[in-house]
Structures are given as C-alpha cells and as structure tokens.
Amino acid sequence: MHFFLRDVLPRLRRSHPSIRLVIVGPAVPKAIQRYASADVIVTGAVADVRPYLEAARAVIVPLRVGGGTRLKILEAMAMAKPVISTRLGAEGLDVTGERDILLADDPASFADQVRRVLDDADLATQLGSAARRMVETEYDWKTSVRKLEDLYEAAIVEGTSARAA
C-alpha cells in the first residue's frame, strides 16, 4: 500500500483532485496509518467488508511483496467491482488482464489503469461483470470441489505408479 500512497496517489490527484481512498482491513502498519486524512480513510478491522466494496468505484491491489491467497480480489470480483492490481497481487488467480482485471506494476501505469476505470463507467461495468462471471465459473463450490478431486486423483495415481515401479 505504501507504493500506492507514495507513488500512485499523487499522480491520480493531478487529474482527480477529489479522489478518496479507503483502506479496509486489520493490522494496518503505522507507516500506512500516517497517511490517514480526510481523503485517505483507514478503517482498521471491520465486521463486514461488503458495504465498503459496494461503495467503491474500484478496488486496488498494489501488492509488491508477499504471498497468500487472493481472497480480497475474489470478494471484490464477486461483487462485480473493477479491480486494478499488480501482477503479483493477482498471482495464482485465473484472471485475464483487460478482460476481468487491469494489471500494472509501475506507478505511471497503475495510475493510468485507475484513471481508465474512474473516467469510463462502461469500462468499469464491463470489467466488473466479466470478473463476476469468472468468479462464478472458476471459483464456485462445485468447480472448487471438482479441482480438488482431480488433484487427489492425480496424487493417488502418482502414488500408485511410484509403488508399482
């Protein structure tokens, strides 16, 4: 988030001076909390993220380091929100850039992608709708169970083959 606040947000403010950023989630580092202002709201932990997602015009994932699951992206996509992310932020997800997500890794490109969504309501709607369809298709329970069963079957076959050799 430091990358976005330090390098991207100032670029966006040049073209969108009234832009507002809401940072939602627990354990926000003090270095990020220092950016809190009337235009940068830091909520901390919330009981339900959905009202914040509903109010958002776009969701940003400016992840530069780290790992783990990308549930936050999937939650935003399930609510048909356009998502702008670094490639690392979307790593491991079955997403296609320019179809159901916008990807950018440097400050200028990230700012440009956010501007595209803010300035083009049709694009924002198309991205959000495509993202929702992708989540429904690739991440619903039936699909997830089928993928897990396929993984188990492959492991069983591999284990059986290894013992037979």
C-alpha atoms as a PDB file:
ATOM      1  CA  MET A   1       0.000   0.000   0.000  1.00  0.00           C
ATOM      2  CA  HIS A   2       2.956   2.283   0.640  1.00  0.00           C
ATOM      3  CA  PHE A   3       3.753   2.069  -3.104  1.00  0.00           C
ATOM      4  CA  PHE A   4       0.253   3.293  -3.960  1.00  0.00           C
ATOM      5  CA  LEU A   5       0.147   6.053  -1.362  1.00  0.00           C
ATOM      6  CA  ARG A   6       3.628   7.355  -2.112  1.00  0.00           C
ATOM      7  CA  ASP A   7       3.936   6.840  -5.877  1.00  0.00           C
ATOM      8  CA  VAL A   8       0.474   6.403  -7.415  1.00  0.00           C
ATOM      9  CA  LEU A   9      -1.989   8.513  -5.430  1.00  0.00           C
ATOM     10  CA  PRO A  10      -0.137  11.809  -6.054  1.00  0.00           C
ATOM     11  CA  ARG A  11      -0.333  11.121  -9.815  1.00  0.00           C
ATOM     12  CA  LEU A  12      -4.052  10.430  -9.553  1.00  0.00           C
ATOM     13  CA  ARG A  13      -4.661  13.612  -7.588  1.00  0.00           C
ATOM     14  CA  ARG A  14      -3.362  15.655 -10.524  1.00  0.00           C
ATOM     15  CA  SER A  15      -6.264  14.512 -12.698  1.00  0.00           C
ATOM     16  CA  HIS A  16      -8.737  13.629  -9.922  1.00  0.00           C
ATOM     17  CA  PRO A  17      -8.119  16.078  -7.050  1.00  0.00           C
ATOM     18  CA  SER A  18     -11.123  14.869  -5.060  1.00  0.00           C
ATOM     19  CA  ILE A  19     -10.152  11.183  -5.207  1.00  0.00           C
ATOM     20  CA  ARG A  20     -10.689   9.368  -1.928  1.00  0.00           C
ATOM     21  CA  LEU A  21      -9.012   6.167  -0.807  1.00  0.00           C
ATOM     22  CA  VAL A  22     -10.493   3.874   1.831  1.00  0.00           C
ATOM     23  CA  ILE A  23      -8.115   1.275   3.268  1.00  0.00           C
ATOM     24  CA  VAL A  24     -10.099  -1.536   4.871  1.00  0.00           C
ATOM     25  CA  GLY A  25      -8.606  -4.322   6.937  1.00  0.00           C
ATOM     26  CA  PRO A  26      -6.941  -5.290  10.182  1.00  0.00           C
ATOM     27  CA  ALA A  27      -3.350  -4.706  11.238  1.00  0.00           C
ATOM     28  CA  VAL A  28      -2.635  -1.659   9.094  1.00  0.00           C
ATOM     29  CA  PRO A  29       1.027  -0.769   9.681  1.00  0.00           C
ATOM     30  CA  LYS A  30       1.770   2.535  11.403  1.00  0.00           C
ATOM     31  CA  ALA A  31       3.653   3.700   8.296  1.00  0.00           C
ATOM     32  CA  ILE A  32       0.383   3.435   6.354  1.00  0.00           C
ATOM     33  CA  GLN A  33      -1.748   4.894   9.154  1.00  0.00           C
ATOM     34  CA  ARG A  34       0.363   8.059   8.928  1.00  0.00           C
ATOM     35  CA  TYR A  35      -1.241   8.770   5.545  1.00  0.00           C
ATOM     36  CA  ALA A  36      -4.714   8.943   7.118  1.00  0.00           C
ATOM     37  CA  SER A  37      -6.527  12.167   6.263  1.00  0.00           C
ATOM     38  CA  ALA A  38      -9.904  13.364   5.041  1.00  0.00           C
ATOM     39  CA  ASP A  39      -9.085  11.780   1.657  1.00  0.00           C
ATOM     40  CA  VAL A  40      -7.310   8.648   2.941  1.00  0.00           C
ATOM     41  CA  ILE A  41      -9.545   6.793   5.366  1.00  0.00           C
ATOM     42  CA  VAL A  42      -8.060   3.872   7.314  1.00  0.00           C
ATOM     43  CA  THR A  43     -10.869   1.801   8.843  1.00  0.00           C
ATOM     44  CA  GLY A  44      -8.921  -0.949  10.535  1.00  0.00           C
ATOM     45  CA  ALA A  45     -10.785  -4.231  11.021  1.00  0.00           C
ATOM     46  CA  VAL A  46     -14.456  -4.217  10.015  1.00  0.00           C
ATOM     47  CA  ALA A  47     -17.178  -6.766  10.748  1.00  0.00           C
ATOM     48  CA  ASP A  48     -18.359  -6.820   7.130  1.00  0.00           C
ATOM     49  CA  VAL A  49     -16.354  -5.649   4.127  1.00  0.00           C
ATOM     50  CA  ARG A  50     -19.330  -5.711   1.750  1.00  0.00           C
ATOM     51  CA  PRO A  51     -20.621  -2.170   2.444  1.00  0.00           C
ATOM     52  CA  TYR A  52     -17.157  -0.801   1.685  1.00  0.00           C
ATOM     53  CA  LEU A  53     -16.904  -2.808  -1.519  1.00  0.00           C
ATOM     54  CA  GLU A  54     -20.398  -1.743  -2.526  1.00  0.00           C
ATOM     55  CA  ALA A  55     -19.450   1.928  -2.105  1.00  0.00           C
ATOM     56  CA  ALA A  56     -16.175   1.590  -4.031  1.00  0.00           C
ATOM     57  CA  ARG A  57     -15.883   2.671  -7.657  1.00  0.00           C
ATOM     58  CA  ALA A  58     -12.822   0.432  -7.982  1.00  0.00           C
ATOM     59  CA  VAL A  59     -10.684  -1.863  -5.855  1.00  0.00           C
ATOM     60  CA  ILE A  60      -6.908  -1.594  -5.917  1.00  0.00           C
ATOM     61  CA  VAL A  61      -4.412  -4.318  -5.044  1.00  0.00           C
ATOM     62  CA  PRO A  62      -0.991  -2.635  -5.223  1.00  0.00           C
ATOM     63  CA  LEU A  63       0.838  -5.648  -3.782  1.00  0.00           C
ATOM     64  CA  ARG A  64       4.604  -5.527  -4.292  1.00  0.00           C
ATOM     65  CA  VAL A  65       5.736  -8.256  -1.862  1.00  0.00           C
ATOM     66  CA  GLY A  66       4.060 -11.100  -0.044  1.00  0.00           C
ATOM     67  CA  GLY A  67       2.078 -14.191  -0.673  1.00  0.00           C
ATOM     68  CA  GLY A  68      -1.006 -15.979   0.465  1.00  0.00           C
ATOM     69  CA  THR A  69      -4.425 -16.355  -1.026  1.00  0.00           C
ATOM     70  CA  ARG A  70      -6.030 -13.581  -3.009  1.00  0.00           C
ATOM     71  CA  LEU A  71      -9.457 -13.772  -1.409  1.00  0.00           C
ATOM     72  CA  LYS A  72      -9.789  -9.985  -1.287  1.00  0.00           C
ATOM     73  CA  ILE A  73      -9.622  -9.825  -5.072  1.00  0.00           C
ATOM     74  CA  LEU A  74     -12.176 -12.615  -5.426  1.00  0.00           C
ATOM     75  CA  GLU A  75     -14.506 -10.886  -2.943  1.00  0.00           C
ATOM     76  CA  ALA A  76     -14.334  -7.660  -4.941  1.00  0.00           C
ATOM     77  CA  MET A  77     -14.848  -9.508  -8.212  1.00  0.00           C
ATOM     78  CA  ALA A  78     -17.803 -11.432  -6.789  1.00  0.00           C
ATOM     79  CA  MET A  79     -19.400  -8.043  -6.137  1.00  0.00           C
ATOM     80  CA  ALA A  80     -18.721  -7.039  -9.770  1.00  0.00           C
ATOM     81  CA  LYS A  81     -16.184  -4.382  -8.835  1.00  0.00           C
ATOM     82  CA  PRO A  82     -13.422  -3.451 -11.273  1.00  0.00           C
ATOM     83  CA  VAL A  83     -10.034  -4.452  -9.851  1.00  0.00           C
ATOM     84  CA  ILE A  84      -6.681  -2.868 -10.620  1.00  0.00           C
ATOM     85  CA  SER A  85      -3.764  -4.943  -9.373  1.00  0.00           C
ATOM     86  CA  THR A  86      -0.081  -5.565  -9.736  1.00  0.00           C
ATOM     87  CA  ARG A  87       0.755  -8.868 -11.399  1.00  0.00           C
ATOM     88  CA  LEU A  88       1.985 -10.151  -8.032  1.00  0.00           C
ATOM     89  CA  GLY A  89      -1.330  -9.185  -6.457  1.00  0.00           C
ATOM     90  CA  ALA A  90      -3.220 -11.318  -8.975  1.00  0.00           C
ATOM     91  CA  GLU A  91      -0.716 -14.173  -8.969  1.00  0.00           C
ATOM     92  CA  GLY A  92      -2.323 -17.599  -8.808  1.00  0.00           C
ATOM     93  CA  LEU A  93      -5.763 -16.399  -9.893  1.00  0.00           C
ATOM     94  CA  ASP A  94      -7.358 -17.463 -13.155  1.00  0.00           C
ATOM     95  CA  VAL A  95      -7.694 -13.887 -14.433  1.00  0.00           C
ATOM     96  CA  THR A  96      -7.088 -12.298 -17.803  1.00  0.00           C
ATOM     97  CA  GLY A  97      -5.792  -8.753 -17.992  1.00  0.00           C
ATOM     98  CA  GLU A  98      -8.040  -6.311 -19.850  1.00  0.00           C
ATOM     99  CA  ARG A  99     -10.943  -8.761 -19.605  1.00  0.00           C
ATOM    100  CA  ASP A 100     -11.692  -9.176 -15.907  1.00  0.00           C
ATOM    101  CA  ILE A 101      -8.873  -7.226 -14.257  1.00  0.00           C
ATOM    102  CA  LEU A 102      -6.478  -4.400 -15.082  1.00  0.00           C
ATOM    103  CA  LEU A 103      -2.807  -5.072 -14.345  1.00  0.00           C
ATOM    104  CA  ALA A 104       0.055  -2.634 -13.815  1.00  0.00           C
ATOM    105  CA  ASP A 105       3.331  -2.782 -11.944  1.00  0.00           C
ATOM    106  CA  ASP A 106       4.848   0.696 -12.127  1.00  0.00           C
ATOM    107  CA  PRO A 107       3.392   3.919 -10.686  1.00  0.00           C
ATOM    108  CA  ALA A 108       2.552   5.610 -14.001  1.00  0.00           C
ATOM    109  CA  SER A 109       0.834   2.517 -15.430  1.00  0.00           C
ATOM    110  CA  PHE A 110      -1.037   1.839 -12.201  1.00  0.00           C
ATOM    111  CA  ALA A 111      -2.312   5.423 -12.118  1.00  0.00           C
ATOM    112  CA  ASP A 112      -3.317   5.165 -15.797  1.00  0.00           C
ATOM    113  CA  GLN A 113      -5.307   1.985 -15.144  1.00  0.00           C
ATOM    114  CA  VAL A 114      -7.124   3.553 -12.188  1.00  0.00           C
ATOM    115  CA  ARG A 115      -7.899   6.623 -14.319  1.00  0.00           C
ATOM    116  CA  ARG A 116      -9.341   4.428 -17.056  1.00  0.00           C
ATOM    117  CA  VAL A 117     -11.838   2.945 -14.610  1.00  0.00           C
ATOM    118  CA  LEU A 118     -12.696   6.261 -12.976  1.00  0.00           C
ATOM    119  CA  ASP A 119     -13.174   8.019 -16.317  1.00  0.00           C
ATOM    120  CA  ASP A 120     -15.028   5.289 -18.208  1.00  0.00           C
ATOM    121  CA  ALA A 121     -18.134   3.947 -16.460  1.00  0.00           C
ATOM    122  CA  ASP A 122     -18.762   1.483 -19.306  1.00  0.00           C
ATOM    123  CA  LEU A 123     -15.286   0.004 -18.922  1.00  0.00           C
ATOM    124  CA  ALA A 124     -15.758  -0.244 -15.150  1.00  0.00           C
ATOM    125  CA  THR A 125     -19.069  -2.065 -15.655  1.00  0.00           C
ATOM    126  CA  GLN A 126     -17.613  -4.418 -18.288  1.00  0.00           C
ATOM    127  CA  LEU A 127     -14.628  -5.312 -16.099  1.00  0.00           C
ATOM    128  CA  GLY A 128     -16.815  -5.850 -13.045  1.00  0.00           C
ATOM    129  CA  SER A 129     -19.305  -8.012 -14.950  1.00  0.00           C
ATOM    130  CA  ALA A 130     -16.568 -10.120 -16.544  1.00  0.00           C
ATOM    131  CA  ALA A 131     -14.877 -10.519 -13.162  1.00  0.00           C
ATOM    132  CA  ARG A 132     -18.119 -11.666 -11.553  1.00  0.00           C
ATOM    133  CA  ARG A 133     -18.711 -14.225 -14.336  1.00  0.00           C
ATOM    134  CA  MET A 134     -15.150 -15.503 -13.936  1.00  0.00           C
ATOM    135  CA  VAL A 135     -15.586 -15.923 -10.167  1.00  0.00           C
ATOM    136  CA  GLU A 136     -18.916 -17.706 -10.668  1.00  0.00           C
ATOM    137  CA  THR A 137     -17.367 -20.028 -13.253  1.00  0.00           C
ATOM    138  CA  GLU A 138     -13.932 -20.723 -11.788  1.00  0.00           C
ATOM    139  CA  TYR A 139     -14.379 -20.318  -8.035  1.00  0.00           C
ATOM    140  CA  ASP A 140     -17.846 -21.590  -7.166  1.00  0.00           C
ATOM    141  CA  TRP A 141     -18.082 -24.548  -4.770  1.00  0.00           C
ATOM    142  CA  LYS A 142     -18.754 -27.185  -7.445  1.00  0.00           C
ATOM    143  CA  THR A 143     -15.770 -26.119  -9.516  1.00  0.00           C
ATOM    144  CA  SER A 144     -13.528 -25.903  -6.451  1.00  0.00           C
ATOM    145  CA  VAL A 145     -14.554 -29.394  -5.304  1.00  0.00           C
ATOM    146  CA  ARG A 146     -14.005 -30.802  -8.813  1.00  0.00           C
ATOM    147  CA  LYS A 147     -10.499 -29.268  -8.960  1.00  0.00           C
ATOM    148  CA  LEU A 148      -9.691 -30.701  -5.530  1.00  0.00           C
ATOM    149  CA  GLU A 149     -10.965 -34.150  -6.545  1.00  0.00           C
ATOM    150  CA  ASP A 150      -8.836 -34.000  -9.715  1.00  0.00           C
ATOM    151  CA  LEU A 151      -5.817 -33.106  -7.601  1.00  0.00           C
ATOM    152  CA  TYR A 152      -6.472 -36.033  -5.235  1.00  0.00           C
ATOM    153  CA  GLU A 153      -6.929 -38.437  -8.151  1.00  0.00           C
ATOM    154  CA  ALA A 154      -3.654 -37.304  -9.713  1.00  0.00           C
ATOM    155  CA  ALA A 155      -1.858 -37.772  -6.374  1.00  0.00           C
ATOM    156  CA  ILE A 156      -3.340 -41.249  -5.933  1.00  0.00           C
ATOM    157  CA  VAL A 157      -2.372 -42.287  -9.458  1.00  0.00           C
ATOM    158  CA  GLU A 158       1.128 -40.887  -8.981  1.00  0.00           C
ATOM    159  CA  GLY A 159       1.484 -42.683  -5.639  1.00  0.00           C
ATOM    160  CA  THR A 160       0.218 -45.957  -7.109  1.00  0.00           C
ATOM    161  CA  SER A 161       2.605 -45.671 -10.072  1.00  0.00           C
ATOM    162  CA  ALA A 162       5.560 -44.949  -7.788  1.00  0.00           C
ATOM    163  CA  ARG A 163       4.838 -48.038  -5.643  1.00  0.00           C
ATOM    164  CA  ALA A 164       4.439 -50.263  -8.697  1.00  0.00           C
ATOM    165  CA  ALA A 165       7.849 -49.235 -10.054  1.00  0.00           C
END
